[in-house]
Amino acid sequence: MIADIAKVSIAPMMDWTDRHCRAFHRVLSRRARLYTEMVTTGAVIHGPRERLLGFSEPEHPVAVQLGGSDPADLAEAARICADFGYDEINLNVGCPSDRVQNGRFGACLMQEPVLVGECVAAMKAAISLPVTVKCRIGVDDQDAEEALDRLSDCVVAASCDELTVHARKAWLQGLSPKENRDIPPLDYPRVYRLKAARPDLPIAINGGIKTWAEIHEHLKHLDGVMLGRVAYHEPEILLGVDRELHGEEPPVADGFEAVEAYEPFIAEQLAKGERLHNITRHMLGLFTGRPGARAYRRHLATEAVKPGANLNTLRDAVAHVSRAVERLAPADAA
């Protein structure tokens, strides 16, 4: 089992949780577990590994999420990722996109729980790191009680270290990936029932969680909470992880200090030839609720893409934001 189950983690999100995003989120919390975007076994085995898998040392604890369904390929990819220094290998059994379905991985694997178990067993035999699974409660017309129980039976038999459950079904036909994040109804009690039936299996919950009150409520029933879009669109929520759950002061006091702490990383990336926009696009949600937040976003969106944009571009954007303690509701932010 994982020695230190993360009470809060940040979901793997395609096109979002790249190395720049993860480095920024680590500035806000020492304790949150970070996840990469999903990377396929084929890309890991045959692709440009440093570009796909590289990360910075301060990102720890950081997990890599793999997409695949061939046990031998997953075992090889897991070994490669372990050599890169990741803290955990996670198997994607939740993504509903057509591309993923065509590759026979992601949420469609909810229909093949025995194969999922074989994949987990192969990775466990190949590496000493924790191997975890992220899944849905079911897909399409599956009975969510039976589907989730069958999957958990198979991964537990394979010695899976932790299960993270997105508390919605995925509809493989008729809904887009975006719609699959919103339209299928959330069923948190289903995940609670799984934990009650399997008290020894570490289980985290994902899906629609937006506030600290909700996080605390879920942690009364489960071992962990995985935050998705709220961590990206309102990253200052992560300032609460260390304080609320571990009794520790966060690394920075607020968004202003977060920018200052992140500047050395940005400077290093710019010196390597990275474009400012590729880094600061992950910071657009910062300062949500503060007067001037809209002007901050507008400045970054229009200026960071220009040739020669640098740290002064970011500093000019931050200058639009009021440092007053008072915060507005997000919809009222200027």
Protein backbone atom coordinates (compact mmCIF):
# COMPACT_ATOMS: atom_id res chain seq x y z
CA MET A 1 0.00 0.00 0.00
CA ILE A 2 1.00 3.63 -0.47
CA ALA A 3 2.79 4.76 2.66
CA ASP A 4 1.22 8.22 2.63
CA ILE A 5 -2.22 8.41 1.00
CA ALA A 6 -2.74 11.89 -0.42
CA LYS A 7 -5.74 13.53 1.20
CA VAL A 8 -5.92 15.92 -1.75
CA SER A 9 -4.61 15.36 -5.23
CA ILE A 10 -4.96 17.25 -8.51
CA ALA A 11 -6.51 15.28 -11.33
CA PRO A 12 -4.67 14.41 -14.53
CA MET A 13 -6.19 16.76 -17.12
CA MET A 14 -5.31 16.62 -20.80
CA ASP A 15 -3.73 19.82 -22.16
CA TRP A 16 -3.65 21.27 -18.65
CA THR A 17 -1.53 19.39 -16.12
CA ASP A 18 1.76 19.60 -17.98
CA ARG A 19 5.08 20.21 -16.23
CA HIS A 20 4.54 24.00 -16.12
CA CYS A 21 1.13 23.61 -14.51
CA ARG A 22 2.43 21.10 -11.98
CA ALA A 23 5.35 23.32 -11.03
CA PHE A 24 2.89 26.17 -10.43
CA HIS A 25 0.56 24.04 -8.33
CA ARG A 26 3.49 22.84 -6.23
CA VAL A 27 4.21 26.47 -5.33
CA LEU A 28 0.76 26.55 -3.68
CA SER A 29 0.97 23.29 -1.72
CA ARG A 30 3.73 20.97 -0.57
CA ARG A 31 1.28 18.20 0.25
CA ALA A 32 -1.10 17.86 -2.71
CA ARG A 33 -0.27 14.93 -4.97
CA LEU A 34 0.23 15.99 -8.59
CA TYR A 35 -0.58 13.97 -11.69
CA THR A 36 0.66 14.21 -15.24
CA GLU A 37 -1.59 14.36 -18.23
CA MET A 38 -2.44 10.88 -19.47
CA VAL A 39 0.32 9.48 -21.67
CA THR A 40 -0.18 6.32 -23.71
CA THR A 41 2.02 3.28 -23.42
CA GLY A 42 2.99 3.60 -27.08
CA ALA A 43 4.17 7.16 -26.55
CA VAL A 44 6.16 6.18 -23.46
CA ILE A 45 7.81 3.22 -25.15
CA HIS A 46 8.47 4.73 -28.58
CA GLY A 47 8.11 8.52 -28.20
CA PRO A 48 10.31 11.41 -26.98
CA ARG A 49 10.47 10.41 -23.34
CA GLU A 50 12.08 13.52 -21.90
CA ARG A 51 9.47 15.77 -23.47
CA LEU A 52 6.61 13.50 -22.42
CA LEU A 53 7.79 12.43 -18.97
CA GLY A 54 10.29 15.02 -17.79
CA PHE A 55 9.51 16.85 -14.57
CA SER A 56 11.29 19.00 -12.03
CA GLU A 57 12.44 17.69 -8.65
CA PRO A 58 10.21 20.02 -6.59
CA GLU A 59 7.11 18.45 -8.14
CA HIS A 60 7.31 15.44 -5.80
CA PRO A 61 5.04 13.77 -4.87
CA VAL A 62 4.06 13.34 -8.51
CA ALA A 63 2.35 10.47 -10.31
CA VAL A 64 2.23 9.57 -13.99
CA GLN A 65 -1.03 8.44 -15.54
CA LEU A 66 -0.78 5.79 -18.24
CA GLY A 67 -3.31 4.92 -20.93
CA GLY A 68 -3.23 1.41 -22.30
CA SER A 69 -4.73 -2.06 -22.12
CA ASP A 70 -1.91 -4.44 -23.00
CA PRO A 71 -0.40 -5.82 -19.78
CA ALA A 72 3.07 -6.31 -21.29
CA ASP A 73 3.15 -2.78 -22.72
CA LEU A 74 1.92 -1.31 -19.46
CA ALA A 75 4.60 -3.20 -17.54
CA GLU A 76 7.30 -1.85 -19.85
CA ALA A 77 5.91 1.69 -19.70
CA ALA A 78 5.70 1.47 -15.91
CA ARG A 79 9.38 0.46 -15.72
CA ILE A 80 10.34 3.42 -17.89
CA CYS A 81 8.29 5.82 -15.74
CA ALA A 82 9.75 4.36 -12.55
CA ASP A 83 13.24 5.03 -13.90
CA PHE A 84 12.23 8.65 -14.46
CA GLY A 85 11.61 8.93 -10.71
CA TYR A 86 7.83 9.12 -10.43
CA ASP A 87 6.23 8.32 -7.09
CA GLU A 88 3.21 6.42 -8.43
CA ILE A 89 1.91 4.85 -11.64
CA ASN A 90 -1.79 5.39 -12.32
CA LEU A 91 -3.89 3.53 -14.90
CA ASN A 92 -6.60 5.48 -16.73
CA VAL A 93 -9.94 3.64 -16.70
CA GLY A 94 -12.05 6.78 -16.90
CA CYS A 95 -11.40 8.84 -20.04
CA PRO A 96 -14.38 8.64 -22.46
CA SER A 97 -12.95 10.24 -25.62
CA ASP A 98 -13.35 8.55 -29.01
CA ARG A 99 -9.58 8.42 -29.50
CA VAL A 100 -9.15 6.60 -26.22
CA GLN A 101 -11.96 4.17 -26.99
CA ASN A 102 -10.45 3.40 -30.38
CA GLY A 103 -7.23 2.53 -28.59
CA ARG A 104 -9.13 0.23 -26.20
CA PHE A 105 -8.27 2.06 -23.03
CA GLY A 106 -9.80 4.62 -20.74
CA ALA A 107 -13.43 4.32 -19.62
CA CYS A 108 -14.28 1.50 -22.02
CA LEU A 109 -12.12 -0.75 -19.80
CA MET A 110 -14.90 -0.56 -17.20
CA GLN A 111 -16.46 -3.26 -19.43
CA GLU A 112 -13.36 -5.45 -19.08
CA PRO A 113 -12.56 -5.58 -15.35
CA VAL A 114 -10.62 -8.83 -15.62
CA LEU A 115 -8.29 -7.22 -18.16
CA VAL A 116 -7.85 -4.21 -15.88
CA GLY A 117 -6.83 -6.57 -13.10
CA GLU A 118 -4.31 -8.24 -15.43
CA CYS A 119 -2.88 -4.83 -16.33
CA VAL A 120 -2.47 -3.87 -12.68
CA ALA A 121 -0.88 -7.22 -11.85
CA ALA A 122 1.62 -6.85 -14.70
CA MET A 123 2.67 -3.39 -13.53
CA LYS A 124 2.91 -4.52 -9.91
CA ALA A 125 5.21 -7.36 -10.98
CA ALA A 126 7.40 -4.98 -12.96
CA ILE A 127 7.98 -2.18 -10.44
CA SER A 128 8.10 -1.51 -6.71
CA LEU A 129 6.17 1.76 -6.92
CA PRO A 130 2.50 2.03 -5.97
CA VAL A 131 0.16 1.19 -8.84
CA THR A 132 -3.23 2.89 -8.72
CA VAL A 133 -6.35 3.10 -10.89
CA LYS A 134 -8.67 5.98 -11.76
CA CYS A 135 -12.10 4.90 -12.96
CA ARG A 136 -15.76 5.83 -13.33
CA ILE A 137 -18.70 4.24 -11.49
CA GLY A 138 -19.70 2.61 -14.77
CA VAL A 139 -20.31 3.28 -18.45
CA ASP A 140 -23.44 3.52 -20.58
CA ASP A 141 -26.18 1.14 -19.37
CA GLN A 142 -24.01 -0.72 -16.85
CA ASP A 143 -25.45 -1.10 -13.39
CA ALA A 144 -23.20 1.15 -11.30
CA GLU A 145 -23.38 -1.12 -8.27
CA GLU A 146 -22.29 -4.20 -10.17
CA ALA A 147 -19.78 -2.49 -12.47
CA LEU A 148 -17.82 -0.73 -9.75
CA ASP A 149 -17.85 -3.79 -7.49
CA ARG A 150 -16.54 -6.01 -10.30
CA LEU A 151 -13.77 -3.57 -11.14
CA SER A 152 -12.74 -3.18 -7.51
CA ASP A 153 -12.76 -6.96 -7.03
CA CYS A 154 -10.36 -7.39 -9.93
CA VAL A 155 -7.95 -4.60 -9.03
CA VAL A 156 -7.86 -5.62 -5.36
CA ALA A 157 -7.03 -9.17 -6.39
CA ALA A 158 -4.15 -7.68 -8.39
CA SER A 159 -2.90 -5.74 -5.32
CA CYS A 160 -3.88 -2.28 -6.55
CA ASP A 161 -2.67 0.30 -4.05
CA GLU A 162 -5.44 2.87 -4.40
CA LEU A 163 -8.61 3.48 -6.39
CA THR A 164 -9.78 6.95 -7.39
CA VAL A 165 -13.39 7.03 -8.52
CA HIS A 166 -14.90 9.78 -10.66
CA ALA A 167 -18.41 9.57 -9.23
CA ARG A 168 -20.19 9.70 -12.59
CA LYS A 169 -20.90 7.23 -15.30
CA ALA A 170 -19.23 7.81 -18.65
CA TRP A 171 -21.42 7.66 -21.74
CA LEU A 172 -19.28 6.32 -24.54
CA GLN A 173 -21.91 7.05 -27.17
CA GLY A 174 -23.79 10.32 -27.50
CA LEU A 175 -21.78 12.57 -25.17
CA SER A 176 -18.54 14.43 -25.81
CA PRO A 177 -15.68 14.25 -23.27
CA LYS A 178 -16.68 17.73 -22.07
CA GLU A 179 -20.32 16.69 -21.65
CA ASN A 180 -19.16 13.57 -19.80
CA ARG A 181 -17.67 15.86 -17.16
CA ASP A 182 -21.00 17.57 -16.49
CA ILE A 183 -24.11 15.79 -17.74
CA PRO A 184 -24.07 12.33 -16.12
CA PRO A 185 -25.30 12.84 -12.55
CA LEU A 186 -22.86 12.65 -9.67
CA ASP A 187 -23.37 9.74 -7.29
CA TYR A 188 -21.13 10.31 -4.30
CA PRO A 189 -23.03 7.80 -2.09
CA ARG A 190 -22.06 5.03 -4.54
CA VAL A 191 -18.40 5.70 -3.81
CA TYR A 192 -19.10 5.83 -0.07
CA ARG A 193 -20.76 2.41 -0.30
CA LEU A 194 -17.71 1.00 -2.04
CA LYS A 195 -15.49 2.25 0.78
CA ALA A 196 -17.82 0.79 3.39
CA ALA A 197 -17.64 -2.57 1.63
CA ARG A 198 -13.86 -2.37 1.19
CA PRO A 199 -12.47 -0.55 4.23
CA ASP A 200 -8.93 -1.78 3.57
CA LEU A 201 -8.77 -0.35 0.03
CA PRO A 202 -7.65 3.29 -0.06
CA ILE A 203 -10.30 5.14 -2.08
CA ALA A 204 -10.36 8.73 -3.27
CA ILE A 205 -13.27 10.56 -4.91
CA ASN A 206 -13.32 12.87 -7.91
CA GLY A 207 -15.99 14.86 -9.73
CA GLY A 208 -17.62 18.23 -9.19
CA ILE A 209 -15.88 19.07 -5.91
CA LYS A 210 -15.50 22.84 -5.57
CA THR A 211 -15.23 23.94 -1.93
CA TRP A 212 -13.39 23.15 1.27
CA ALA A 213 -16.70 22.30 2.96
CA GLU A 214 -17.22 19.61 0.32
CA ILE A 215 -13.66 18.33 0.70
CA HIS A 216 -14.07 17.94 4.45
CA GLU A 217 -17.41 16.17 4.01
CA HIS A 218 -15.95 13.64 1.58
CA LEU A 219 -13.01 12.97 3.88
CA LYS A 220 -15.45 11.84 6.57
CA HIS A 221 -16.20 8.85 4.34
CA LEU A 222 -13.13 8.36 2.15
CA ASP A 223 -9.35 8.48 2.22
CA GLY A 224 -8.78 11.20 -0.36
CA VAL A 225 -10.28 13.82 -2.63
CA MET A 226 -9.10 14.51 -6.17
CA LEU A 227 -9.73 18.05 -7.42
CA GLY A 228 -10.09 18.72 -11.11
CA ARG A 229 -11.22 21.92 -12.79
CA VAL A 230 -11.50 23.95 -9.58
CA ALA A 231 -7.77 23.50 -8.97
CA TYR A 232 -7.08 24.83 -12.45
CA HIS A 233 -9.61 27.66 -12.62
CA GLU A 234 -9.27 28.74 -8.97
CA PRO A 235 -5.80 27.55 -7.98
CA GLU A 236 -5.72 29.48 -4.71
CA ILE A 237 -7.97 26.76 -3.27
CA LEU A 238 -4.74 24.74 -3.02
CA LEU A 239 -3.42 27.16 -0.41
CA GLY A 240 -5.73 25.38 2.01
CA VAL A 241 -4.34 21.89 1.53
CA ASP A 242 -1.37 22.16 3.88
CA ARG A 243 -3.20 24.21 6.50
CA GLU A 244 -6.63 22.55 6.50
CA LEU A 245 -5.46 18.96 6.37
CA HIS A 246 -1.93 18.90 7.77
CA GLY A 247 -1.78 21.80 10.22
CA GLU A 248 1.07 23.40 8.28
CA GLU A 249 1.42 26.84 6.80
CA PRO A 250 1.28 26.83 3.00
CA PRO A 251 4.47 27.65 1.09
CA VAL A 252 3.07 31.07 0.16
CA ALA A 253 0.43 33.31 1.73
CA ASP A 254 -1.52 34.28 -1.38
CA GLY A 255 -1.50 34.57 -5.15
CA PHE A 256 0.93 37.47 -5.12
CA GLU A 257 3.54 35.47 -3.22
CA ALA A 258 2.81 32.51 -5.49
CA VAL A 259 3.78 34.55 -8.54
CA GLU A 260 7.01 35.66 -6.88
CA ALA A 261 7.86 32.09 -5.87
CA TYR A 262 7.13 30.83 -9.38
CA GLU A 263 9.27 33.45 -11.13
CA PRO A 264 12.57 31.52 -10.90
CA PHE A 265 10.97 28.55 -12.66
CA ILE A 266 9.57 30.83 -15.36
CA ALA A 267 12.96 32.49 -15.84
CA GLU A 268 14.62 29.09 -16.19
CA GLN A 269 12.08 27.98 -18.79
CA LEU A 270 12.34 31.22 -20.75
CA ALA A 271 16.12 30.82 -20.83
CA LYS A 272 15.57 27.39 -22.42
CA GLY A 273 13.51 28.98 -25.18
CA GLU A 274 10.03 28.32 -23.82
CA ARG A 275 7.33 30.88 -24.67
CA LEU A 276 5.82 32.79 -21.77
CA HIS A 277 2.26 31.97 -22.81
CA ASN A 278 2.91 28.23 -22.53
CA ILE A 279 3.69 28.78 -18.85
CA THR A 280 1.32 31.57 -17.82
CA ARG A 281 -1.76 30.06 -19.47
CA HIS A 282 -1.96 27.87 -16.37
CA MET A 283 -2.07 30.95 -14.13
CA LEU A 284 -5.10 32.69 -15.64
CA GLY A 285 -7.34 31.52 -12.79
CA LEU A 286 -5.12 33.11 -10.18
CA PHE A 287 -6.69 36.03 -8.28
CA THR A 288 -10.25 34.88 -9.02
CA GLY A 289 -12.55 37.06 -6.93
CA ARG A 290 -10.14 39.96 -6.51
CA PRO A 291 -10.73 43.39 -8.06
CA GLY A 292 -8.63 43.56 -11.21
CA ALA A 293 -8.68 39.81 -11.90
CA ARG A 294 -10.34 40.31 -15.28
CA ALA A 295 -7.74 42.89 -16.36
CA TYR A 296 -4.98 40.52 -15.19
CA ARG A 297 -6.38 37.72 -17.34
CA ARG A 298 -6.85 39.99 -20.33
CA HIS A 299 -3.30 41.32 -20.09
CA LEU A 300 -1.77 37.84 -19.92
CA ALA A 301 -3.98 36.50 -22.68
CA THR A 302 -3.05 39.28 -25.10
CA GLU A 303 0.54 40.08 -24.14
CA ALA A 304 2.11 36.76 -23.11
CA VAL A 305 1.70 35.37 -26.64
CA LYS A 306 3.80 38.14 -28.19
CA PRO A 307 7.45 37.62 -29.16
CA GLY A 308 9.76 38.78 -26.41
CA ALA A 309 7.18 38.44 -23.62
CA ASN A 310 9.03 37.96 -20.35
CA LEU A 311 8.71 38.24 -16.59
CA ASN A 312 7.90 41.93 -16.88
CA THR A 313 4.84 40.96 -18.91
CA LEU A 314 3.64 38.84 -16.00
CA ARG A 315 4.47 41.54 -13.47
CA ASP A 316 2.52 44.10 -15.49
CA ALA A 317 -0.47 41.76 -15.48
CA VAL A 318 -0.29 41.28 -11.71
CA ALA A 319 -0.15 45.06 -11.25
CA HIS A 320 -3.79 45.21 -12.37
CA VAL A 321 -4.89 43.24 -9.31
CA SER A 322 -5.81 44.90 -6.04
CA ARG A 323 -3.81 43.73 -3.05
CA ALA A 324 -6.67 44.62 -0.71
CA VAL A 325 -7.76 41.76 1.49
CA GLU A 326 -11.41 42.06 0.46
CA ARG A 327 -12.45 39.60 -2.22
CA LEU A 328 -15.46 39.74 -4.48
CA ALA A 329 -17.59 36.85 -5.64
CA PRO A 330 -15.97 35.47 -8.82
CA ALA A 331 -18.79 36.78 -11.02
CA ASP A 332 -18.27 40.28 -9.65
CA ALA A 333 -14.48 40.41 -10.10
CA ALA A 334 -13.49 43.40 -12.20
